[in-house]
C-alpha cells in the first residue's frame, strides 16, 4: 500500500445526498455520504442491488450531480461546475470501464482505444493504442470490430481504452459482471497489473468478492449510507 496521507486526497466527498421524485414521494438513494480517497489507492464499493453504488460512482466521476453535498476531484469542486466544465475535468483525469463495455460498434478495436486520445488532439494516439492493446493481449485483434470479439476480448479493449487515456482516476462499474468466472479472473488480474504500473487511483463498484478483496480498501453501502 502506498502512503499518500500527507497529500490532499484525489477524491473527497462531503455529506453527499441524492434523492429522486417517485410516484410514492421522495426516494433517498444516497444519505450523507462522506469519504476520502488518496492518489494510487484501490477502493471497492460493495453493497446489495439498490444500495446506491452506481449512483455514487456517477457522482464521484461528475457524470451526475448530488441533491446536496460536495465532491472534489483532483482539487476541483466539480459539484459547483456546469456540465461543460465537469466534462473537461473528466477528459483530463478520469477513465471508465463499464459492465456493458460501451464500445462503438462501427469502430475497430484500435479505433475504439484511440478515440479518447484523438478527441484530446494527441498526435501519438495510434502508438499508445497499439501498445495498450498489445499489453492486454489483443495485438492480433486491432482491426476486429466489437461484434467479432468475445465478451472478455471486448472488456479488454475497454480496459486498454481506459488506460490509454492515462487517467488519474479509473472508475469501473461491475467490470466482470458480464464475464464468466475464468475470463473475469483474467480481466481482474489485468486491471490490477495495469493499475500498479500506472499508479492510477482505482474505484470499483462490484458484487464480486474476489475483485473487492484485491482492493486496498472496501466501502460497504447499505441503504445509501457507508457502513463502517
Protein backbone atom coordinates (compact mmCIF):
# COMPACT_ATOMS: atom_id res chain seq x y z
CA UNK A 1 0.00 0.00 0.00
CA UNK A 2 1.22 3.47 -0.82
CA UNK A 3 1.20 6.08 1.92
CA UNK A 4 -0.25 9.26 0.47
CA UNK A 5 -1.69 10.55 3.73
CA UNK A 6 0.34 13.77 3.63
CA UNK A 7 -1.10 14.75 0.24
CA UNK A 8 -4.56 16.10 -0.43
CA UNK A 9 -6.95 13.29 -1.40
CA UNK A 10 -7.60 12.96 -5.12
CA UNK A 11 -11.29 12.40 -4.31
CA UNK A 12 -13.18 13.99 -1.43
CA UNK A 13 -16.90 13.63 -0.79
CA UNK A 14 -18.61 15.80 1.80
CA UNK A 15 -22.09 14.94 3.06
CA UNK A 16 -23.48 13.90 -0.35
CA UNK A 17 -27.19 13.13 -0.61
CA UNK A 18 -29.19 12.07 -3.66
CA UNK A 19 -32.97 11.96 -3.75
CA UNK A 20 -35.31 11.41 -6.68
CA UNK A 21 -39.04 12.00 -7.04
CA UNK A 22 -41.22 8.92 -7.43
CA UNK A 23 -44.98 8.33 -7.56
CA UNK A 24 -44.79 7.45 -3.86
CA UNK A 25 -42.82 10.60 -2.99
CA UNK A 26 -39.11 11.37 -2.49
CA UNK A 27 -36.79 8.36 -2.62
CA UNK A 28 -33.41 8.69 -0.88
CA UNK A 29 -30.66 6.92 -2.86
CA UNK A 30 -27.62 8.35 -1.03
CA UNK A 31 -27.78 9.67 2.52
CA UNK A 32 -24.99 11.86 3.96
CA UNK A 33 -22.06 10.05 2.30
CA UNK A 34 -18.60 11.38 3.18
CA UNK A 35 -15.29 9.79 2.17
CA UNK A 36 -11.74 10.48 1.00
CA UNK A 37 -9.67 8.51 -1.49
CA UNK A 38 -5.94 9.10 -1.84
CA UNK A 39 -3.93 9.02 -5.06
CA UNK A 40 -2.87 5.49 -6.01
CA UNK A 41 -5.41 3.77 -3.76
CA UNK A 42 -7.65 0.95 -4.94
CA UNK A 43 -11.11 1.11 -3.38
CA UNK A 44 -14.07 -1.22 -3.86
CA UNK A 45 -17.64 -0.06 -3.23
CA UNK A 46 -19.84 -3.03 -2.38
CA UNK A 47 -23.46 -3.47 -1.37
CA UNK A 48 -26.73 -5.07 -2.36
CA UNK A 49 -28.54 -4.09 -5.54
CA UNK A 50 -30.30 -0.79 -4.96
CA UNK A 51 -27.89 0.34 -2.25
CA UNK A 52 -26.72 3.32 -4.32
CA UNK A 53 -23.35 2.04 -5.60
CA UNK A 54 -23.70 3.05 -9.26
CA UNK A 55 -25.30 6.36 -8.32
CA UNK A 56 -22.32 7.13 -6.05
CA UNK A 57 -19.86 6.21 -8.82
CA UNK A 58 -21.61 8.56 -11.26
CA UNK A 59 -21.47 11.43 -8.75
CA UNK A 60 -17.78 10.77 -7.94
CA UNK A 61 -16.98 10.93 -11.65
CA UNK A 62 -19.02 14.07 -12.27
CA UNK A 63 -21.50 12.26 -14.55
CA UNK A 64 -24.31 13.12 -12.16
CA UNK A 65 -24.87 15.78 -9.51
CA UNK A 66 -25.96 15.17 -5.90
CA UNK A 67 -29.08 16.74 -4.44
CA UNK A 68 -26.89 18.10 -1.62
CA UNK A 69 -23.22 17.96 -0.62
CA UNK A 70 -19.96 18.44 -2.49
CA UNK A 71 -17.39 16.41 -4.42
CA UNK A 72 -13.78 17.45 -5.09
CA UNK A 73 -11.97 15.59 -7.90
CA UNK A 74 -8.26 16.27 -8.36
CA UNK A 75 -8.64 19.57 -6.50
CA UNK A 76 -11.70 20.78 -8.44
CA UNK A 77 -15.07 21.21 -6.73
CA UNK A 78 -16.97 19.51 -9.54
CA UNK A 79 -20.36 19.86 -7.85
CA UNK A 80 -20.11 23.63 -8.34
CA UNK A 81 -19.40 23.33 -12.09
CA UNK A 82 -21.68 23.33 -15.13
CA UNK A 83 -21.62 20.14 -17.20
CA UNK A 84 -19.22 21.61 -19.79
CA UNK A 85 -16.58 22.24 -17.11
CA UNK A 86 -17.16 18.85 -15.46
CA UNK A 87 -16.64 17.25 -18.87
CA UNK A 88 -13.27 18.99 -19.15
CA UNK A 89 -12.23 17.64 -15.73
CA UNK A 90 -13.34 14.14 -16.77
CA UNK A 91 -11.41 14.41 -20.01
CA UNK A 92 -8.30 15.46 -18.12
CA UNK A 93 -8.21 12.92 -15.33
CA UNK A 94 -10.92 10.24 -15.49
CA UNK A 95 -11.18 6.84 -17.20
CA UNK A 96 -14.12 4.42 -17.23
CA UNK A 97 -14.65 0.68 -17.54
CA UNK A 98 -18.31 -0.39 -17.67
CA UNK A 99 -20.03 -3.76 -17.30
CA UNK A 100 -21.54 -3.30 -20.77
CA UNK A 101 -18.13 -2.44 -22.35
CA UNK A 102 -19.50 0.72 -24.10
CA UNK A 103 -17.54 0.13 -27.29
CA UNK A 104 -18.59 1.85 -30.52
CA UNK A 105 -19.77 -0.90 -32.89
CA UNK A 106 -18.71 0.93 -36.07
CA UNK A 107 -15.09 1.31 -34.90
CA UNK A 108 -12.36 -1.33 -34.80
CA UNK A 109 -10.64 -2.29 -31.55
CA UNK A 110 -7.76 0.05 -32.43
CA UNK A 111 -10.10 2.94 -33.30
CA UNK A 112 -12.09 2.44 -30.07
CA UNK A 113 -8.91 2.69 -27.99
CA UNK A 114 -7.59 5.68 -29.97
CA UNK A 115 -10.82 7.68 -29.77
CA UNK A 116 -10.45 9.44 -26.37
CA UNK A 117 -6.85 10.46 -27.16
CA UNK A 118 -7.82 11.67 -30.63
CA UNK A 119 -10.62 13.77 -29.16
CA UNK A 120 -8.00 15.45 -26.97
CA UNK A 121 -5.88 16.14 -30.06
CA UNK A 122 -2.97 13.88 -29.09
CA UNK A 123 -0.69 13.05 -32.01
CA UNK A 124 0.54 9.68 -30.70
CA UNK A 125 -2.93 8.16 -30.16
CA UNK A 126 -2.26 5.28 -32.55
CA UNK A 127 1.05 4.29 -30.98
CA UNK A 128 -0.41 4.36 -27.46
CA UNK A 129 -3.48 2.38 -28.54
CA UNK A 130 -1.37 -0.34 -30.16
CA UNK A 131 0.83 -0.55 -27.08
CA UNK A 132 -2.10 -0.97 -24.69
CA UNK A 133 -3.90 -3.46 -26.95
CA UNK A 134 -0.69 -5.48 -27.04
CA UNK A 135 -0.47 -5.18 -23.25
CA UNK A 136 -3.97 -6.68 -22.88
CA UNK A 137 -3.14 -9.49 -25.31
CA UNK A 138 -5.05 -8.23 -28.34
CA UNK A 139 -2.26 -7.28 -30.74
CA UNK A 140 -3.80 -9.63 -33.31
CA UNK A 141 -7.28 -8.09 -32.98
CA UNK A 142 -6.55 -4.47 -33.93
CA UNK A 143 -8.83 -4.45 -36.98
CA UNK A 144 -11.65 -6.51 -35.44
CA UNK A 145 -14.98 -4.85 -34.70
CA UNK A 146 -16.72 -5.40 -31.33
CA UNK A 147 -19.18 -7.90 -32.86
CA UNK A 148 -16.19 -10.05 -33.90
CA UNK A 149 -14.82 -10.19 -30.33
CA UNK A 150 -15.83 -12.30 -27.34
CA UNK A 151 -17.14 -10.63 -24.17
CA UNK A 152 -13.76 -10.99 -22.49
CA UNK A 153 -11.98 -9.51 -25.51
CA UNK A 154 -14.41 -6.58 -25.62
CA UNK A 155 -13.78 -5.88 -21.93
CA UNK A 156 -10.02 -5.99 -22.55
CA UNK A 157 -10.46 -3.43 -25.35
CA UNK A 158 -12.41 -1.26 -22.87
CA UNK A 159 -9.61 -1.59 -20.30
CA UNK A 160 -6.98 -0.69 -22.92
CA UNK A 161 -9.06 2.36 -23.89
CA UNK A 162 -9.35 3.46 -20.25
CA UNK A 163 -5.62 3.16 -19.52
CA UNK A 164 -4.57 4.67 -22.87
CA UNK A 165 -6.11 7.91 -21.61
CA UNK A 166 -3.62 7.77 -18.70
CA UNK A 167 -6.31 8.75 -16.19
CA UNK A 168 -5.53 9.83 -12.66
CA UNK A 169 -8.69 8.03 -11.51
CA UNK A 170 -10.20 4.95 -13.15
CA UNK A 171 -13.84 4.19 -12.33
CA UNK A 172 -15.05 0.65 -13.01
CA UNK A 173 -18.73 -0.33 -12.71
CA UNK A 174 -19.11 -4.13 -12.36
CA UNK A 175 -16.22 -4.72 -14.80
CA UNK A 176 -16.56 -8.53 -14.57
CA UNK A 177 -20.39 -8.61 -14.39
CA UNK A 178 -20.91 -9.93 -17.95
CA UNK A 179 -17.98 -12.36 -17.92
CA UNK A 180 -17.63 -15.98 -16.86
CA UNK A 181 -15.52 -16.72 -13.78
CA UNK A 182 -12.36 -17.70 -15.66
CA UNK A 183 -12.47 -14.73 -18.06
CA UNK A 184 -13.41 -12.41 -15.19
CA UNK A 185 -10.38 -13.58 -13.21
CA UNK A 186 -8.05 -12.76 -16.10
CA UNK A 187 -9.66 -9.33 -16.50
CA UNK A 188 -9.18 -8.65 -12.75
CA UNK A 189 -5.50 -9.63 -12.98
CA UNK A 190 -5.04 -7.31 -15.94
CA UNK A 191 -6.84 -4.41 -14.27
CA UNK A 192 -4.65 -4.56 -11.17
CA UNK A 193 -1.43 -5.13 -13.12
CA UNK A 194 -2.05 -2.01 -15.20
CA UNK A 195 -3.14 -0.14 -12.07
CA UNK A 196 0.17 -0.95 -10.34
CA UNK A 197 2.19 0.06 -13.39
CA UNK A 198 0.44 3.40 -13.88
CA UNK A 199 -0.27 4.25 -10.20
CA UNK A 200 -3.81 5.13 -11.23
CA UNK A 201 -6.38 5.53 -8.46
CA UNK A 202 -8.90 2.72 -8.90
CA UNK A 203 -12.52 2.99 -7.71
CA UNK A 204 -14.62 -0.13 -8.35
CA UNK A 205 -18.30 -0.90 -7.91
CA UNK A 206 -18.73 -4.66 -7.69
CA UNK A 207 -20.71 -7.61 -6.40
CA UNK A 208 -17.61 -9.77 -6.97
CA UNK A 209 -15.98 -10.54 -3.60
CA UNK A 210 -12.79 -11.78 -5.29
CA UNK A 211 -12.48 -8.42 -7.02
CA UNK A 212 -13.26 -6.42 -3.87
CA UNK A 213 -10.70 -8.41 -1.87
CA UNK A 214 -7.94 -7.30 -4.25
CA UNK A 215 -8.51 -3.65 -3.32
CA UNK A 216 -6.68 -1.83 -0.54
CA UNK A 217 -9.99 -0.66 0.92
CA UNK A 218 -13.60 -1.82 0.78
CA UNK A 219 -16.50 0.58 1.39
CA UNK A 220 -19.86 -1.03 2.10
CA UNK A 221 -23.00 0.87 1.09
CA UNK A 222 -26.25 -0.05 2.80
CA UNK A 223 -29.46 1.86 2.13
CA UNK A 224 -27.48 4.80 0.77
CA UNK A 225 -25.08 5.11 3.73
CA UNK A 226 -21.50 3.95 4.12
CA UNK A 227 -21.30 1.34 6.85
CA UNK A 228 -18.16 1.18 8.98
